[in-house]
Amino acid sequence: MGKYIFHFLTWLTVIFHLLFILFVIAGGLFVRKKKWILIAHSCAVLWAVYAEISPGVICPLTTLENYFAYHAGLSTYKEDFITRYLVPVIYQENIAQNIQVILVGIVICINVIVYWYVLKKKQNK
């Protein structure tokens, strides 16, 4: 029975990890709703940038996922979450580099536009 619990916890961690990444990408859309989201989103973006550009930095969620997977008898991995799960989906083998640059640009533009809109709306109050 313990193995099934660890299996469940592994997938729960994977889902939470994916939600965290989605929050990093689009969390600015929720800043207008609550002020604390601005702080949480800024911290999440800073952590994500730090973790991606710093060699050897492993996200605690990756470590937790590997812990649960090991105890569930599943395979673990050494690379980070993005490399393991998202790179094969986002950066498919046949995708051109200019498309990759466009996708990154879209993510950055979404956040810049959302924050510009939120700050402009806040100034008008």
C-alpha atoms as a PDB file:
ATOM      1  CA  MET A   1       0.000   0.000   0.000  1.00  0.00           C
ATOM      2  CA  GLY A   2       2.855   2.417   0.759  1.00  0.00           C
ATOM      3  CA  LYS A   3       4.108   2.090  -2.799  1.00  0.00           C
ATOM      4  CA  TYR A   4       0.771   3.377  -4.128  1.00  0.00           C
ATOM      5  CA  ILE A   5       0.883   6.381  -1.845  1.00  0.00           C
ATOM      6  CA  PHE A   6       4.361   7.281  -3.093  1.00  0.00           C
ATOM      7  CA  HIS A   7       3.186   6.792  -6.671  1.00  0.00           C
ATOM      8  CA  PHE A   8       0.304   9.195  -6.014  1.00  0.00           C
ATOM      9  CA  LEU A   9       2.637  11.691  -4.317  1.00  0.00           C
ATOM     10  CA  THR A  10       5.008  11.502  -7.293  1.00  0.00           C
ATOM     11  CA  TRP A  11       2.292  12.492  -9.752  1.00  0.00           C
ATOM     12  CA  LEU A  12       0.878  15.089  -7.368  1.00  0.00           C
ATOM     13  CA  THR A  13       4.336  16.681  -7.266  1.00  0.00           C
ATOM     14  CA  VAL A  14       4.601  16.569 -11.069  1.00  0.00           C
ATOM     15  CA  ILE A  15       1.240  18.324 -11.389  1.00  0.00           C
ATOM     16  CA  PHE A  16       2.195  20.948  -8.792  1.00  0.00           C
ATOM     17  CA  HIS A  17       5.510  21.493 -10.571  1.00  0.00           C
ATOM     18  CA  LEU A  18       3.716  22.051 -13.868  1.00  0.00           C
ATOM     19  CA  LEU A  19       1.279  24.463 -12.218  1.00  0.00           C
ATOM     20  CA  PHE A  20       4.231  26.379 -10.769  1.00  0.00           C
ATOM     21  CA  ILE A  21       5.736  26.727 -14.249  1.00  0.00           C
ATOM     22  CA  LEU A  22       2.398  27.910 -15.639  1.00  0.00           C
ATOM     23  CA  PHE A  23       2.203  30.438 -12.792  1.00  0.00           C
ATOM     24  CA  VAL A  24       5.673  31.717 -13.710  1.00  0.00           C
ATOM     25  CA  ILE A  25       4.572  32.165 -17.310  1.00  0.00           C
ATOM     26  CA  ALA A  26       1.104  33.627 -16.809  1.00  0.00           C
ATOM     27  CA  GLY A  27       0.804  34.532 -13.121  1.00  0.00           C
ATOM     28  CA  GLY A  28       0.834  38.213 -13.961  1.00  0.00           C
ATOM     29  CA  LEU A  29      -2.698  37.803 -15.283  1.00  0.00           C
ATOM     30  CA  PHE A  30      -3.914  37.357 -11.705  1.00  0.00           C
ATOM     31  CA  VAL A  31      -2.097  40.322 -10.155  1.00  0.00           C
ATOM     32  CA  ARG A  32      -5.174  42.549 -10.387  1.00  0.00           C
ATOM     33  CA  LYS A  33      -7.202  40.167  -8.244  1.00  0.00           C
ATOM     34  CA  LYS A  34      -5.008  40.211  -5.140  1.00  0.00           C
ATOM     35  CA  LYS A  35      -1.977  42.285  -4.241  1.00  0.00           C
ATOM     36  CA  TRP A  36      -0.119  39.346  -2.676  1.00  0.00           C
ATOM     37  CA  ILE A  37      -0.073  37.603  -6.071  1.00  0.00           C
ATOM     38  CA  LEU A  38       2.332  40.299  -7.319  1.00  0.00           C
ATOM     39  CA  ILE A  39       4.815  39.344  -4.613  1.00  0.00           C
ATOM     40  CA  ALA A  40       4.304  35.599  -5.132  1.00  0.00           C
ATOM     41  CA  HIS A  41       4.610  35.891  -8.912  1.00  0.00           C
ATOM     42  CA  SER A  42       7.719  38.090  -8.729  1.00  0.00           C
ATOM     43  CA  CYS A  43       9.386  35.599  -6.376  1.00  0.00           C
ATOM     44  CA  ALA A  44       8.385  32.686  -8.612  1.00  0.00           C
ATOM     45  CA  VAL A  45       9.816  34.389 -11.706  1.00  0.00           C
ATOM     46  CA  LEU A  46      13.043  35.283  -9.901  1.00  0.00           C
ATOM     47  CA  TRP A  47      13.435  31.704  -8.660  1.00  0.00           C
ATOM     48  CA  ALA A  48      12.712  30.252 -12.111  1.00  0.00           C
ATOM     49  CA  VAL A  49      15.239  32.538 -13.796  1.00  0.00           C
ATOM     50  CA  TYR A  50      17.853  31.783 -11.123  1.00  0.00           C
ATOM     51  CA  ALA A  51      17.257  28.025 -11.329  1.00  0.00           C
ATOM     52  CA  GLU A  52      17.452  27.999 -15.126  1.00  0.00           C
ATOM     53  CA  ILE A  53      20.597  30.098 -15.508  1.00  0.00           C
ATOM     54  CA  SER A  54      22.563  28.707 -12.571  1.00  0.00           C
ATOM     55  CA  PRO A  55      24.405  25.463 -13.310  1.00  0.00           C
ATOM     56  CA  GLY A  56      23.877  22.726 -10.767  1.00  0.00           C
ATOM     57  CA  VAL A  57      20.813  24.290  -9.132  1.00  0.00           C
ATOM     58  CA  ILE A  58      18.082  21.691  -8.711  1.00  0.00           C
ATOM     59  CA  CYS A  59      14.549  22.760  -7.891  1.00  0.00           C
ATOM     60  CA  PRO A  60      13.313  21.382  -4.569  1.00  0.00           C
ATOM     61  CA  LEU A  61      10.226  20.068  -6.363  1.00  0.00           C
ATOM     62  CA  THR A  62      12.451  17.936  -8.605  1.00  0.00           C
ATOM     63  CA  THR A  63      14.186  16.534  -5.543  1.00  0.00           C
ATOM     64  CA  LEU A  64      10.844  15.827  -3.885  1.00  0.00           C
ATOM     65  CA  GLU A  65       9.495  14.157  -7.013  1.00  0.00           C
ATOM     66  CA  ASN A  66      12.573  11.930  -7.262  1.00  0.00           C
ATOM     67  CA  TYR A  67      12.233  10.994  -3.590  1.00  0.00           C
ATOM     68  CA  PHE A  68       8.623   9.922  -4.047  1.00  0.00           C
ATOM     69  CA  ALA A  69       9.382   8.162  -7.354  1.00  0.00           C
ATOM     70  CA  TYR A  70      12.245   6.194  -5.796  1.00  0.00           C
ATOM     71  CA  HIS A  71      10.015   4.997  -2.956  1.00  0.00           C
ATOM     72  CA  ALA A  72       7.256   4.129  -5.439  1.00  0.00           C
ATOM     73  CA  GLY A  73       9.677   2.014  -7.468  1.00  0.00           C
ATOM     74  CA  LEU A  74       9.521   4.398 -10.435  1.00  0.00           C
ATOM     75  CA  SER A  75      12.498   5.680 -12.374  1.00  0.00           C
ATOM     76  CA  THR A  76      14.125   8.871 -11.185  1.00  0.00           C
ATOM     77  CA  TYR A  77      16.069  11.388 -13.231  1.00  0.00           C
ATOM     78  CA  LYS A  78      19.048  13.697 -12.846  1.00  0.00           C
ATOM     79  CA  GLU A  79      18.012  16.526 -15.162  1.00  0.00           C
ATOM     80  CA  ASP A  80      15.542  19.198 -14.124  1.00  0.00           C
ATOM     81  CA  PHE A  81      11.769  19.050 -14.555  1.00  0.00           C
ATOM     82  CA  ILE A  82      11.747  21.181 -17.679  1.00  0.00           C
ATOM     83  CA  THR A  83      14.350  19.024 -19.413  1.00  0.00           C
ATOM     84  CA  ARG A  84      12.580  15.826 -18.397  1.00  0.00           C
ATOM     85  CA  TYR A  85       8.969  16.691 -19.195  1.00  0.00           C
ATOM     86  CA  LEU A  86       8.615  19.966 -21.056  1.00  0.00           C
ATOM     87  CA  VAL A  87      11.565  20.111 -23.444  1.00  0.00           C
ATOM     88  CA  PRO A  88      10.345  17.109 -25.465  1.00  0.00           C
ATOM     89  CA  VAL A  89       6.931  18.783 -25.802  1.00  0.00           C
ATOM     90  CA  ILE A  90       7.985  22.398 -26.341  1.00  0.00           C
ATOM     91  CA  TYR A  91      11.287  21.920 -28.140  1.00  0.00           C
ATOM     92  CA  GLN A  92      10.475  19.102 -30.495  1.00  0.00           C
ATOM     93  CA  GLU A  93      13.313  17.800 -32.615  1.00  0.00           C
ATOM     94  CA  ASN A  94      12.071  19.393 -35.817  1.00  0.00           C
ATOM     95  CA  ILE A  95      11.184  22.806 -34.402  1.00  0.00           C
ATOM     96  CA  ALA A  96      13.222  25.653 -35.846  1.00  0.00           C
ATOM     97  CA  GLN A  97      15.305  27.882 -33.590  1.00  0.00           C
ATOM     98  CA  ASN A  98      13.446  31.002 -34.722  1.00  0.00           C
ATOM     99  CA  ILE A  99      10.177  29.406 -33.532  1.00  0.00           C
ATOM    100  CA  GLN A 100      11.788  28.775 -30.131  1.00  0.00           C
ATOM    101  CA  VAL A 101      12.834  32.433 -29.928  1.00  0.00           C
ATOM    102  CA  ILE A 102       9.308  33.509 -30.862  1.00  0.00           C
ATOM    103  CA  LEU A 103       7.819  31.327 -28.106  1.00  0.00           C
ATOM    104  CA  VAL A 104      10.150  32.811 -25.486  1.00  0.00           C
ATOM    105  CA  GLY A 105       9.340  36.293 -26.779  1.00  0.00           C
ATOM    106  CA  ILE A 106       5.617  35.604 -26.459  1.00  0.00           C
ATOM    107  CA  VAL A 107       5.998  34.581 -22.810  1.00  0.00           C
ATOM    108  CA  ILE A 108       8.007  37.716 -22.021  1.00  0.00           C
ATOM    109  CA  CYS A 109       5.583  39.951 -23.929  1.00  0.00           C
ATOM    110  CA  ILE A 110       2.577  38.494 -22.118  1.00  0.00           C
ATOM    111  CA  ASN A 111       4.108  39.323 -18.752  1.00  0.00           C
ATOM    112  CA  VAL A 112       5.252  42.809 -19.811  1.00  0.00           C
ATOM    113  CA  ILE A 113       1.829  43.685 -21.245  1.00  0.00           C
ATOM    114  CA  VAL A 114      -0.035  42.345 -18.218  1.00  0.00           C
ATOM    115  CA  TYR A 115       2.148  44.219 -15.756  1.00  0.00           C
ATOM    116  CA  TRP A 116       1.950  47.407 -17.817  1.00  0.00           C
ATOM    117  CA  TYR A 117      -1.849  47.117 -17.868  1.00  0.00           C
ATOM    118  CA  VAL A 118      -2.065  46.399 -14.140  1.00  0.00           C
ATOM    119  CA  LEU A 119       0.215  49.294 -13.208  1.00  0.00           C
ATOM    120  CA  LYS A 120      -1.598  51.681 -15.552  1.00  0.00           C
ATOM    121  CA  LYS A 121      -4.964  50.683 -14.130  1.00  0.00           C
ATOM    122  CA  LYS A 122      -3.627  51.114 -10.588  1.00  0.00           C
ATOM    123  CA  GLN A 123      -2.400  54.646 -11.360  1.00  0.00           C
ATOM    124  CA  ASN A 124      -5.851  55.621 -12.675  1.00  0.00           C
ATOM    125  CA  LYS A 125      -7.525  54.745  -9.367  1.00  0.00           C
END
